[in-house]
Amino acid sequence: MPDAPIACTLSAAELGERGVAWSELTSRWGRGSTLGPDSVVLSFARDPGALARLERLVDQERECCAWIDYAVEGTAVTLTASGAGEEVLAGMFKP
């Protein structure tokens, strides 16, 4: 798991755009989410468009939120954080 401060490097405008991108992905292809003790698993439809967007978003997230560990497996992504990051992560992606 990354050892980085719990911070996002996006500007307010960029953060808004990123939120829209996640909303579009989850509303069109989202198939559910599961909240664990230190992680959130987001599942998506088996669709080439969904997978491409998911991979692109995860790559972007790795740059701005290094305190989260991202693991893409098939059409799901597991986001994991430790310590205080667990609560922040849960608030970001409530199931």
PDB file of N, CA and C in Angstrom:
ATOM      1  N   MET A   1       0.842  -1.173   0.000  1.00  0.00           N
ATOM      2  CA  MET A   1       0.000   0.000   0.000  1.00  0.00           C
ATOM      3  C   MET A   1       0.886   1.234   0.000  1.00  0.00           C
ATOM      4  N   PRO A   2       0.536   2.218  -0.779  1.00  0.00           N
ATOM      5  CA  PRO A   2       1.349   3.420  -0.833  1.00  0.00           C
ATOM      6  C   PRO A   2       1.455   4.103   0.526  1.00  0.00           C
ATOM      7  N   ASP A   3       2.634   4.643   0.819  1.00  0.00           N
ATOM      8  CA  ASP A   3       2.856   5.398   2.054  1.00  0.00           C
ATOM      9  C   ASP A   3       2.893   6.872   1.679  1.00  0.00           C
ATOM     10  N   ALA A   4       1.716   7.444   1.495  1.00  0.00           N
ATOM     11  CA  ALA A   4       1.604   8.828   1.042  1.00  0.00           C
ATOM     12  C   ALA A   4       0.572   9.541   1.902  1.00  0.00           C
ATOM     13  N   PRO A   5       0.681  10.859   2.004  1.00  0.00           N
ATOM     14  CA  PRO A   5      -0.315  11.605   2.771  1.00  0.00           C
ATOM     15  C   PRO A   5      -1.693  11.486   2.128  1.00  0.00           C
ATOM     16  N   ILE A   6      -2.722  11.568   2.955  1.00  0.00           N
ATOM     17  CA  ILE A   6      -4.094  11.507   2.449  1.00  0.00           C
ATOM     18  C   ILE A   6      -4.429  12.866   1.871  1.00  0.00           C
ATOM     19  N   ALA A   7      -4.225  12.981   0.576  1.00  0.00           N
ATOM     20  CA  ALA A   7      -4.446  14.247  -0.112  1.00  0.00           C
ATOM     21  C   ALA A   7      -4.707  13.990  -1.579  1.00  0.00           C
ATOM     22  N   CYS A   8      -5.439  14.876  -2.196  1.00  0.00           N
ATOM     23  CA  CYS A   8      -5.703  14.829  -3.630  1.00  0.00           C
ATOM     24  C   CYS A   8      -5.023  16.044  -4.249  1.00  0.00           C
ATOM     25  N   THR A   9      -4.329  15.828  -5.349  1.00  0.00           N
ATOM     26  CA  THR A   9      -3.591  16.917  -5.981  1.00  0.00           C
ATOM     27  C   THR A   9      -4.386  17.636  -7.067  1.00  0.00           C
ATOM     28  N   LEU A  10      -5.657  17.300  -7.231  1.00  0.00           N
ATOM     29  CA  LEU A  10      -6.467  17.935  -8.267  1.00  0.00           C
ATOM     30  C   LEU A  10      -6.958  19.309  -7.819  1.00  0.00           C
ATOM     31  N   SER A  11      -7.121  20.199  -8.783  1.00  0.00           N
ATOM     32  CA  SER A  11      -7.753  21.491  -8.504  1.00  0.00           C
ATOM     33  C   SER A  11      -9.245  21.243  -8.321  1.00  0.00           C
ATOM     34  N   ALA A  12      -9.962  22.243  -7.873  1.00  0.00           N
ATOM     35  CA  ALA A  12     -11.401  22.109  -7.678  1.00  0.00           C
ATOM     36  C   ALA A  12     -12.102  21.753  -8.983  1.00  0.00           C
ATOM     37  N   ALA A  13     -11.700  22.396 -10.073  1.00  0.00           N
ATOM     38  CA  ALA A  13     -12.307  22.114 -11.375  1.00  0.00           C
ATOM     39  C   ALA A  13     -11.997  20.688 -11.823  1.00  0.00           C
ATOM     40  N   GLU A  14     -10.746  20.276 -11.642  1.00  0.00           N
ATOM     41  CA  GLU A  14     -10.356  18.918 -12.024  1.00  0.00           C
ATOM     42  C   GLU A  14     -11.085  17.882 -11.186  1.00  0.00           C
ATOM     43  N   LEU A  15     -11.255  18.180  -9.900  1.00  0.00           N
ATOM     44  CA  LEU A  15     -11.964  17.269  -9.015  1.00  0.00           C
ATOM     45  C   LEU A  15     -13.418  17.103  -9.468  1.00  0.00           C
ATOM     46  N   GLY A  16     -14.025  18.196  -9.878  1.00  0.00           N
ATOM     47  CA  GLY A  16     -15.395  18.137 -10.398  1.00  0.00           C
ATOM     48  C   GLY A  16     -15.488  17.294 -11.653  1.00  0.00           C
ATOM     49  N   GLU A  17     -14.529  17.485 -12.564  1.00  0.00           N
ATOM     50  CA  GLU A  17     -14.500  16.697 -13.798  1.00  0.00           C
ATOM     51  C   GLU A  17     -14.299  15.215 -13.498  1.00  0.00           C
ATOM     52  N   ARG A  18     -13.435  14.917 -12.536  1.00  0.00           N
ATOM     53  CA  ARG A  18     -13.178  13.525 -12.185  1.00  0.00           C
ATOM     54  C   ARG A  18     -14.417  12.886 -11.578  1.00  0.00           C
ATOM     55  N   GLY A  19     -15.119  13.658 -10.755  1.00  0.00           N
ATOM     56  CA  GLY A  19     -16.366  13.151 -10.179  1.00  0.00           C
ATOM     57  C   GLY A  19     -17.396  12.827 -11.248  1.00  0.00           C
ATOM     58  N   VAL A  20     -17.482  13.676 -12.264  1.00  0.00           N
ATOM     59  CA  VAL A  20     -18.400  13.428 -13.380  1.00  0.00           C
ATOM     60  C   VAL A  20     -17.991  12.157 -14.119  1.00  0.00           C
ATOM     61  N   ALA A  21     -16.700  11.968 -14.334  1.00  0.00           N
ATOM     62  CA  ALA A  21     -16.216  10.769 -15.034  1.00  0.00           C
ATOM     63  C   ALA A  21     -16.582   9.501 -14.264  1.00  0.00           C
ATOM     64  N   TRP A  22     -16.391   9.512 -12.931  1.00  0.00           N
ATOM     65  CA  TRP A  22     -16.765   8.352 -12.115  1.00  0.00           C
ATOM     66  C   TRP A  22     -18.275   8.141 -12.152  1.00  0.00           C
ATOM     67  N   SER A  23     -19.043   9.220 -12.065  1.00  0.00           N
ATOM     68  CA  SER A  23     -20.506   9.111 -12.097  1.00  0.00           C
ATOM     69  C   SER A  23     -21.000   8.531 -13.411  1.00  0.00           C
ATOM     70  N   GLU A  24     -20.416   8.986 -14.516  1.00  0.00           N
ATOM     71  CA  GLU A  24     -20.802   8.458 -15.825  1.00  0.00           C
ATOM     72  C   GLU A  24     -20.467   6.973 -15.930  1.00  0.00           C
ATOM     73  N   LEU A  25     -19.288   6.588 -15.454  1.00  0.00           N
ATOM     74  CA  LEU A  25     -18.878   5.187 -15.509  1.00  0.00           C
ATOM     75  C   LEU A  25     -19.809   4.317 -14.676  1.00  0.00           C
ATOM     76  N   THR A  26     -20.081   4.740 -13.445  1.00  0.00           N
ATOM     77  CA  THR A  26     -20.904   3.913 -12.564  1.00  0.00           C
ATOM     78  C   THR A  26     -22.377   3.906 -12.980  1.00  0.00           C
ATOM     79  N   SER A  27     -22.885   5.017 -13.491  1.00  0.00           N
ATOM     80  CA  SER A  27     -24.299   5.035 -13.882  1.00  0.00           C
ATOM     81  C   SER A  27     -24.542   4.226 -15.146  1.00  0.00           C
ATOM     82  N   ARG A  28     -23.586   4.207 -16.045  1.00  0.00           N
ATOM     83  CA  ARG A  28     -23.766   3.463 -17.296  1.00  0.00           C
ATOM     84  C   ARG A  28     -23.415   1.987 -17.154  1.00  0.00           C
ATOM     85  N   TRP A  29     -22.299   1.682 -16.467  1.00  0.00           N
ATOM     86  CA  TRP A  29     -21.797   0.311 -16.431  1.00  0.00           C
ATOM     87  C   TRP A  29     -21.665  -0.272 -15.028  1.00  0.00           C
ATOM     88  N   GLY A  30     -21.947   0.508 -14.000  1.00  0.00           N
ATOM     89  CA  GLY A  30     -21.779   0.023 -12.639  1.00  0.00           C
ATOM     90  C   GLY A  30     -22.703  -1.141 -12.315  1.00  0.00           C
ATOM     91  N   ARG A  31     -22.155  -2.110 -11.608  1.00  0.00           N
ATOM     92  CA  ARG A  31     -22.932  -3.292 -11.223  1.00  0.00           C
ATOM     93  C   ARG A  31     -22.925  -3.521  -9.718  1.00  0.00           C
ATOM     94  N   GLY A  32     -22.425  -2.528  -8.986  1.00  0.00           N
ATOM     95  CA  GLY A  32     -22.472  -2.623  -7.541  1.00  0.00           C
ATOM     96  C   GLY A  32     -21.146  -2.310  -6.894  1.00  0.00           C
ATOM     97  N   SER A  33     -21.206  -2.169  -5.580  1.00  0.00           N
ATOM     98  CA  SER A  33     -19.999  -1.895  -4.806  1.00  0.00           C
ATOM     99  C   SER A  33     -20.112  -2.600  -3.469  1.00  0.00           C
ATOM    100  N   THR A  34     -18.968  -2.919  -2.924  1.00  0.00           N
ATOM    101  CA  THR A  34     -18.894  -3.592  -1.638  1.00  0.00           C
ATOM    102  C   THR A  34     -17.891  -2.853  -0.771  1.00  0.00           C
ATOM    103  N   LEU A  35     -18.279  -2.560   0.452  1.00  0.00           N
ATOM    104  CA  LEU A  35     -17.409  -1.867   1.391  1.00  0.00           C
ATOM    105  C   LEU A  35     -16.835  -2.885   2.359  1.00  0.00           C
ATOM    106  N   GLY A  36     -15.500  -2.972   2.419  1.00  0.00           N
ATOM    107  CA  GLY A  36     -14.821  -3.851   3.361  1.00  0.00           C
ATOM    108  C   GLY A  36     -14.196  -3.030   4.463  1.00  0.00           C
ATOM    109  N   PRO A  37     -13.458  -3.670   5.372  1.00  0.00           N
ATOM    110  CA  PRO A  37     -12.860  -2.939   6.495  1.00  0.00           C
ATOM    111  C   PRO A  37     -11.820  -1.904   6.065  1.00  0.00           C
ATOM    112  N   ASP A  38     -11.121  -2.147   4.967  1.00  0.00           N
ATOM    113  CA  ASP A  38     -10.112  -1.188   4.495  1.00  0.00           C
ATOM    114  C   ASP A  38     -10.165  -0.994   2.992  1.00  0.00           C
ATOM    115  N   SER A  39     -11.284  -1.382   2.385  1.00  0.00           N
ATOM    116  CA  SER A  39     -11.353  -1.311   0.930  1.00  0.00           C
ATOM    117  C   SER A  39     -12.776  -1.110   0.427  1.00  0.00           C
ATOM    118  N   VAL A  40     -12.838  -0.716  -0.838  1.00  0.00           N
ATOM    119  CA  VAL A  40     -14.093  -0.626  -1.566  1.00  0.00           C
ATOM    120  C   VAL A  40     -13.865  -1.360  -2.879  1.00  0.00           C
ATOM    121  N   VAL A  41     -14.794  -2.239  -3.241  1.00  0.00           N
ATOM    122  CA  VAL A  41     -14.719  -2.938  -4.518  1.00  0.00           C
ATOM    123  C   VAL A  41     -15.856  -2.421  -5.381  1.00  0.00           C
ATOM    124  N   LEU A  42     -15.509  -1.908  -6.557  1.00  0.00           N
ATOM    125  CA  LEU A  42     -16.490  -1.413  -7.517  1.00  0.00           C
ATOM    126  C   LEU A  42     -16.519  -2.390  -8.687  1.00  0.00           C
ATOM    127  N   SER A  43     -17.710  -2.872  -9.039  1.00  0.00           N
ATOM    128  CA  SER A  43     -17.860  -3.835 -10.131  1.00  0.00           C
ATOM    129  C   SER A  43     -18.583  -3.190 -11.295  1.00  0.00           C
ATOM    130  N   PHE A  44     -18.174  -3.584 -12.499  1.00  0.00           N
ATOM    131  CA  PHE A  44     -18.726  -2.998 -13.717  1.00  0.00           C
ATOM    132  C   PHE A  44     -19.125  -4.078 -14.708  1.00  0.00           C
ATOM    133  N   ALA A  45     -19.969  -3.716 -15.661  1.00  0.00           N
ATOM    134  CA  ALA A  45     -20.409  -4.636 -16.711  1.00  0.00           C
ATOM    135  C   ALA A  45     -19.219  -5.092 -17.545  1.00  0.00           C
ATOM    136  N   ARG A  46     -19.342  -6.282 -18.079  1.00  0.00           N
ATOM    137  CA  ARG A  46     -18.303  -6.802 -18.975  1.00  0.00           C
ATOM    138  C   ARG A  46     -18.515  -6.174 -20.348  1.00  0.00           C
ATOM    139  N   ASP A  47     -17.903  -5.040 -20.535  1.00  0.00           N
ATOM    140  CA  ASP A  47     -18.062  -4.270 -21.760  1.00  0.00           C
ATOM    141  C   ASP A  47     -16.719  -3.623 -22.066  1.00  0.00           C
ATOM    142  N   PRO A  48     -16.255  -3.695 -23.315  1.00  0.00           N
ATOM    143  CA  PRO A  48     -14.957  -3.090 -23.648  1.00  0.00           C
ATOM    144  C   PRO A  48     -14.896  -1.599 -23.319  1.00  0.00           C
ATOM    145  N   GLY A  49     -15.987  -0.894 -23.504  1.00  0.00           N
ATOM    146  CA  GLY A  49     -16.017   0.531 -23.179  1.00  0.00           C
ATOM    147  C   GLY A  49     -15.865   0.773 -21.691  1.00  0.00           C
ATOM    148  N   ALA A  50     -16.507  -0.067 -20.897  1.00  0.00           N
ATOM    149  CA  ALA A  50     -16.409   0.069 -19.437  1.00  0.00           C
ATOM    150  C   ALA A  50     -14.983  -0.191 -18.977  1.00  0.00           C
ATOM    151  N   LEU A  51     -14.386  -1.253 -19.469  1.00  0.00           N
ATOM    152  CA  LEU A  51     -13.028  -1.599 -19.051  1.00  0.00           C
ATOM    153  C   LEU A  51     -12.031  -0.516 -19.448  1.00  0.00           C
ATOM    154  N   ALA A  52     -12.160   0.022 -20.656  1.00  0.00           N
ATOM    155  CA  ALA A  52     -11.247   1.075 -21.109  1.00  0.00           C
ATOM    156  C   ALA A  52     -11.377   2.321 -20.230  1.00  0.00           C
ATOM    157  N   ARG A  53     -12.597   2.721 -19.924  1.00  0.00           N
ATOM    158  CA  ARG A  53     -12.799   3.897 -19.072  1.00  0.00           C
ATOM    159  C   ARG A  53     -12.318   3.649 -17.652  1.00  0.00           C
ATOM    160  N   LEU A  54     -12.583   2.445 -17.148  1.00  0.00           N
ATOM    161  CA  LEU A  54     -12.130   2.100 -15.804  1.00  0.00           C
ATOM    162  C   LEU A  54     -10.609   2.177 -15.711  1.00  0.00           C
ATOM    163  N   GLU A  55      -9.931   1.576 -16.663  1.00  0.00           N
ATOM    164  CA  GLU A  55      -8.466   1.591 -16.643  1.00  0.00           C
ATOM    165  C   GLU A  55      -7.922   3.015 -16.748  1.00  0.00           C
ATOM    166  N   ARG A  56      -8.537   3.833 -17.587  1.00  0.00           N
ATOM    167  CA  ARG A  56      -8.098   5.223 -17.743  1.00  0.00           C
ATOM    168  C   ARG A  56      -8.303   6.006 -16.438  1.00  0.00           C
ATOM    169  N   LEU A  57      -9.460   5.827 -15.812  1.00  0.00           N
ATOM    170  CA  LEU A  57      -9.727   6.526 -14.556  1.00  0.00           C
ATOM    171  C   LEU A  57      -8.786   6.078 -13.447  1.00  0.00           C
ATOM    172  N   VAL A  58      -8.535   4.795 -13.367  1.00  0.00           N
ATOM    173  CA  VAL A  58      -7.629   4.289 -12.333  1.00  0.00           C
ATOM    174  C   VAL A  58      -6.226   4.847 -12.551  1.00  0.00           C
ATOM    175  N   ASP A  59      -5.768   4.903 -13.794  1.00  0.00           N
ATOM    176  CA  ASP A  59      -4.453   5.494 -14.077  1.00  0.00           C
ATOM    177  C   ASP A  59      -4.407   6.947 -13.620  1.00  0.00           C
ATOM    178  N   GLN A  60      -5.480   7.684 -13.867  1.00  0.00           N
ATOM    179  CA  GLN A  60      -5.535   9.084 -13.446  1.00  0.00           C
ATOM    180  C   GLN A  60      -5.568   9.197 -11.925  1.00  0.00           C
ATOM    181  N   GLU A  61      -6.313   8.325 -11.280  1.00  0.00           N
ATOM    182  CA  GLU A  61      -6.417   8.353  -9.823  1.00  0.00           C
ATOM    183  C   GLU A  61      -5.082   8.033  -9.152  1.00  0.00           C
ATOM    184  N   ARG A  62      -4.327   7.139  -9.732  1.00  0.00           N
ATOM    185  CA  ARG A  62      -3.022   6.790  -9.162  1.00  0.00           C
ATOM    186  C   ARG A  62      -2.103   8.011  -9.106  1.00  0.00           C
ATOM    187  N   GLU A  63      -2.291   8.946 -10.027  1.00  0.00           N
ATOM    188  CA  GLU A  63      -1.467  10.158 -10.056  1.00  0.00           C
ATOM    189  C   GLU A  63      -1.879  11.162  -8.987  1.00  0.00           C
ATOM    190  N   CYS A  64      -3.169  11.286  -8.726  1.00  0.00           N
ATOM    191  CA  CYS A  64      -3.628  12.339  -7.816  1.00  0.00           C
ATOM    192  C   CYS A  64      -3.911  11.856  -6.394  1.00  0.00           C
ATOM    193  N   CYS A  65      -4.154  10.587  -6.223  1.00  0.00           N
ATOM    194  CA  CYS A  65      -4.464  10.040  -4.890  1.00  0.00           C
ATOM    195  C   CYS A  65      -3.569   8.837  -4.622  1.00  0.00           C
ATOM    196  N   ALA A  66      -2.292   9.119  -4.408  1.00  0.00           N
ATOM    197  CA  ALA A  66      -1.296   8.055  -4.231  1.00  0.00           C
ATOM    198  C   ALA A  66      -1.479   7.284  -2.931  1.00  0.00           C
ATOM    199  N   TRP A  67      -2.308   7.754  -2.026  1.00  0.00           N
ATOM    200  CA  TRP A  67      -2.534   7.082  -0.748  1.00  0.00           C
ATOM    201  C   TRP A  67      -3.483   5.897  -0.873  1.00  0.00           C
ATOM    202  N   ILE A  68      -4.082   5.721  -2.047  1.00  0.00           N
ATOM    203  CA  ILE A  68      -4.981   4.593  -2.304  1.00  0.00           C
ATOM    204  C   ILE A  68      -4.252   3.584  -3.181  1.00  0.00           C
ATOM    205  N   ASP A  69      -4.408   2.306  -2.849  1.00  0.00           N
ATOM    206  CA  ASP A  69      -3.883   1.227  -3.686  1.00  0.00           C
ATOM    207  C   ASP A  69      -5.024   0.778  -4.591  1.00  0.00           C
ATOM    208  N   TYR A  70      -4.776   0.730  -5.900  1.00  0.00           N
ATOM    209  CA  TYR A  70      -5.794   0.370  -6.879  1.00  0.00           C
ATOM    210  C   TYR A  70      -5.422  -0.961  -7.527  1.00  0.00           C
ATOM    211  N   ALA A  71      -6.344  -1.923  -7.518  1.00  0.00           N
ATOM    212  CA  ALA A  71      -6.103  -3.212  -8.149  1.00  0.00           C
ATOM    213  C   ALA A  71      -7.275  -3.531  -9.071  1.00  0.00           C
ATOM    214  N   VAL A  72      -7.020  -3.495 -10.378  1.00  0.00           N
ATOM    215  CA  VAL A  72      -8.054  -3.823 -11.360  1.00  0.00           C
ATOM    216  C   VAL A  72      -7.946  -5.307 -11.682  1.00  0.00           C
ATOM    217  N   GLU A  73      -9.069  -5.999 -11.528  1.00  0.00           N
ATOM    218  CA  GLU A  73      -9.138  -7.418 -11.853  1.00  0.00           C
ATOM    219  C   GLU A  73     -10.398  -7.632 -12.678  1.00  0.00           C
ATOM    220  N   GLY A  74     -10.211  -7.925 -13.948  1.00  0.00           N
ATOM    221  CA  GLY A  74     -11.363  -8.083 -14.832  1.00  0.00           C
ATOM    222  C   GLY A  74     -12.131  -6.790 -14.921  1.00  0.00           C
ATOM    223  N   THR A  75     -13.400  -6.833 -14.545  1.00  0.00           N
ATOM    224  CA  THR A  75     -14.245  -5.637 -14.612  1.00  0.00           C
ATOM    225  C   THR A  75     -14.537  -5.068 -13.223  1.00  0.00           C
ATOM    226  N   ALA A  76     -13.613  -5.296 -12.299  1.00  0.00           N
ATOM    227  CA  ALA A  76     -13.764  -4.743 -10.949  1.00  0.00           C
ATOM    228  C   ALA A  76     -12.465  -4.065 -10.533  1.00  0.00           C
ATOM    229  N   VAL A  77     -12.597  -3.105  -9.664  1.00  0.00           N
ATOM    230  CA  VAL A  77     -11.426  -2.442  -9.099  1.00  0.00           C
ATOM    231  C   VAL A  77     -11.578  -2.452  -7.579  1.00  0.00           C
ATOM    232  N   THR A  78     -10.491  -2.818  -6.915  1.00  0.00           N
ATOM    233  CA  THR A  78     -10.449  -2.769  -5.462  1.00  0.00           C
ATOM    234  C   THR A  78      -9.594  -1.590  -5.060  1.00  0.00           C
ATOM    235  N   LEU A  79     -10.151  -0.689  -4.270  1.00  0.00           N
ATOM    236  CA  LEU A  79      -9.442   0.477  -3.760  1.00  0.00           C
ATOM    237  C   LEU A  79      -9.196   0.220  -2.289  1.00  0.00           C
ATOM    238  N   THR A  80      -7.932   0.277  -1.869  1.00  0.00           N
ATOM    239  CA  THR A  80      -7.569  -0.048  -0.495  1.00  0.00           C
ATOM    240  C   THR A  80      -6.779   1.100   0.116  1.00  0.00           C
ATOM    241  N   ALA A  81      -7.068   1.380   1.371  1.00  0.00           N
ATOM    242  CA  ALA A  81      -6.341   2.413   2.116  1.00  0.00           C
ATOM    243  C   ALA A  81      -6.158   1.922   3.544  1.00  0.00           C
ATOM    244  N   SER A  82      -5.186   2.483   4.224  1.00  0.00           N
ATOM    245  CA  SER A  82      -4.951   2.091   5.615  1.00  0.00           C
ATOM    246  C   SER A  82      -5.070   3.302   6.529  1.00  0.00           C
ATOM    247  N   GLY A  83      -5.150   3.022   7.817  1.00  0.00           N
ATOM    248  CA  GLY A  83      -5.221   4.091   8.807  1.00  0.00           C
ATOM    249  C   GLY A  83      -6.406   5.003   8.571  1.00  0.00           C
ATOM    250  N   ALA A  84      -6.159   6.303   8.661  1.00  0.00           N
ATOM    251  CA  ALA A  84      -7.218   7.294   8.479  1.00  0.00           C
ATOM    252  C   ALA A  84      -7.789   7.270   7.061  1.00  0.00           C
ATOM    253  N   GLY A  85      -7.016   6.733   6.126  1.00  0.00           N
ATOM    254  CA  GLY A  85      -7.473   6.645   4.742  1.00  0.00           C
ATOM    255  C   GLY A  85      -8.673   5.737   4.559  1.00  0.00           C
ATOM    256  N   GLU A  86      -8.847   4.769   5.470  1.00  0.00           N
ATOM    257  CA  GLU A  86      -9.986   3.850   5.370  1.00  0.00           C
ATOM    258  C   GLU A  86     -11.307   4.606   5.412  1.00  0.00           C
ATOM    259  N   GLU A  87     -11.436   5.521   6.371  1.00  0.00           N
ATOM    260  CA  GLU A  87     -12.676   6.285   6.518  1.00  0.00           C
ATOM    261  C   GLU A  87     -12.890   7.232   5.341  1.00  0.00           C
ATOM    262  N   VAL A  88     -11.828   7.855   4.883  1.00  0.00           N
ATOM    263  CA  VAL A  88     -11.931   8.768   3.744  1.00  0.00           C
ATOM    264  C   VAL A  88     -12.374   7.998   2.501  1.00  0.00           C
ATOM    265  N   LEU A  89     -11.767   6.863   2.270  1.00  0.00           N
ATOM    266  CA  LEU A  89     -12.105   6.032   1.118  1.00  0.00           C
ATOM    267  C   LEU A  89     -13.567   5.595   1.178  1.00  0.00           C
ATOM    268  N   ALA A  90     -14.005   5.157   2.333  1.00  0.00           N
ATOM    269  CA  ALA A  90     -15.397   4.738   2.489  1.00  0.00           C
ATOM    270  C   ALA A  90     -16.360   5.882   2.170  1.00  0.00           C
ATOM    271  N   GLY A  91     -16.000   7.098   2.559  1.00  0.00           N
ATOM    272  CA  GLY A  91     -16.837   8.255   2.277  1.00  0.00           C
ATOM    273  C   GLY A  91     -16.868   8.628   0.803  1.00  0.00           C
ATOM    274  N   MET A  92     -15.779   8.327   0.103  1.00  0.00           N
ATOM    275  CA  MET A  92     -15.697   8.663  -1.322  1.00  0.00           C
ATOM    276  C   MET A  92     -16.575   7.752  -2.176  1.00  0.00           C
ATOM    277  N   PHE A  93     -16.638   6.486  -1.816  1.00  0.00           N
ATOM    278  CA  PHE A  93     -17.333   5.493  -2.635  1.00  0.00           C
ATOM    279  C   PHE A  93     -18.299   4.688  -1.771  1.00  0.00           C
ATOM    280  N   LYS A  94     -19.260   5.344  -1.195  1.00  0.00           N
ATOM    281  CA  LYS A  94     -20.251   4.642  -0.373  1.00  0.00           C
ATOM    282  C   LYS A  94     -21.066   3.712  -1.255  1.00  0.00           C
ATOM    283  N   PRO A  95     -21.212   2.443  -0.809  1.00  0.00           N
ATOM    284  CA  PRO A  95     -22.040   1.511  -1.595  1.00  0.00           C
ATOM    285  C   PRO A  95     -23.508   1.850  -1.514  1.00  0.00           C
TER     286      PRO A  95
END
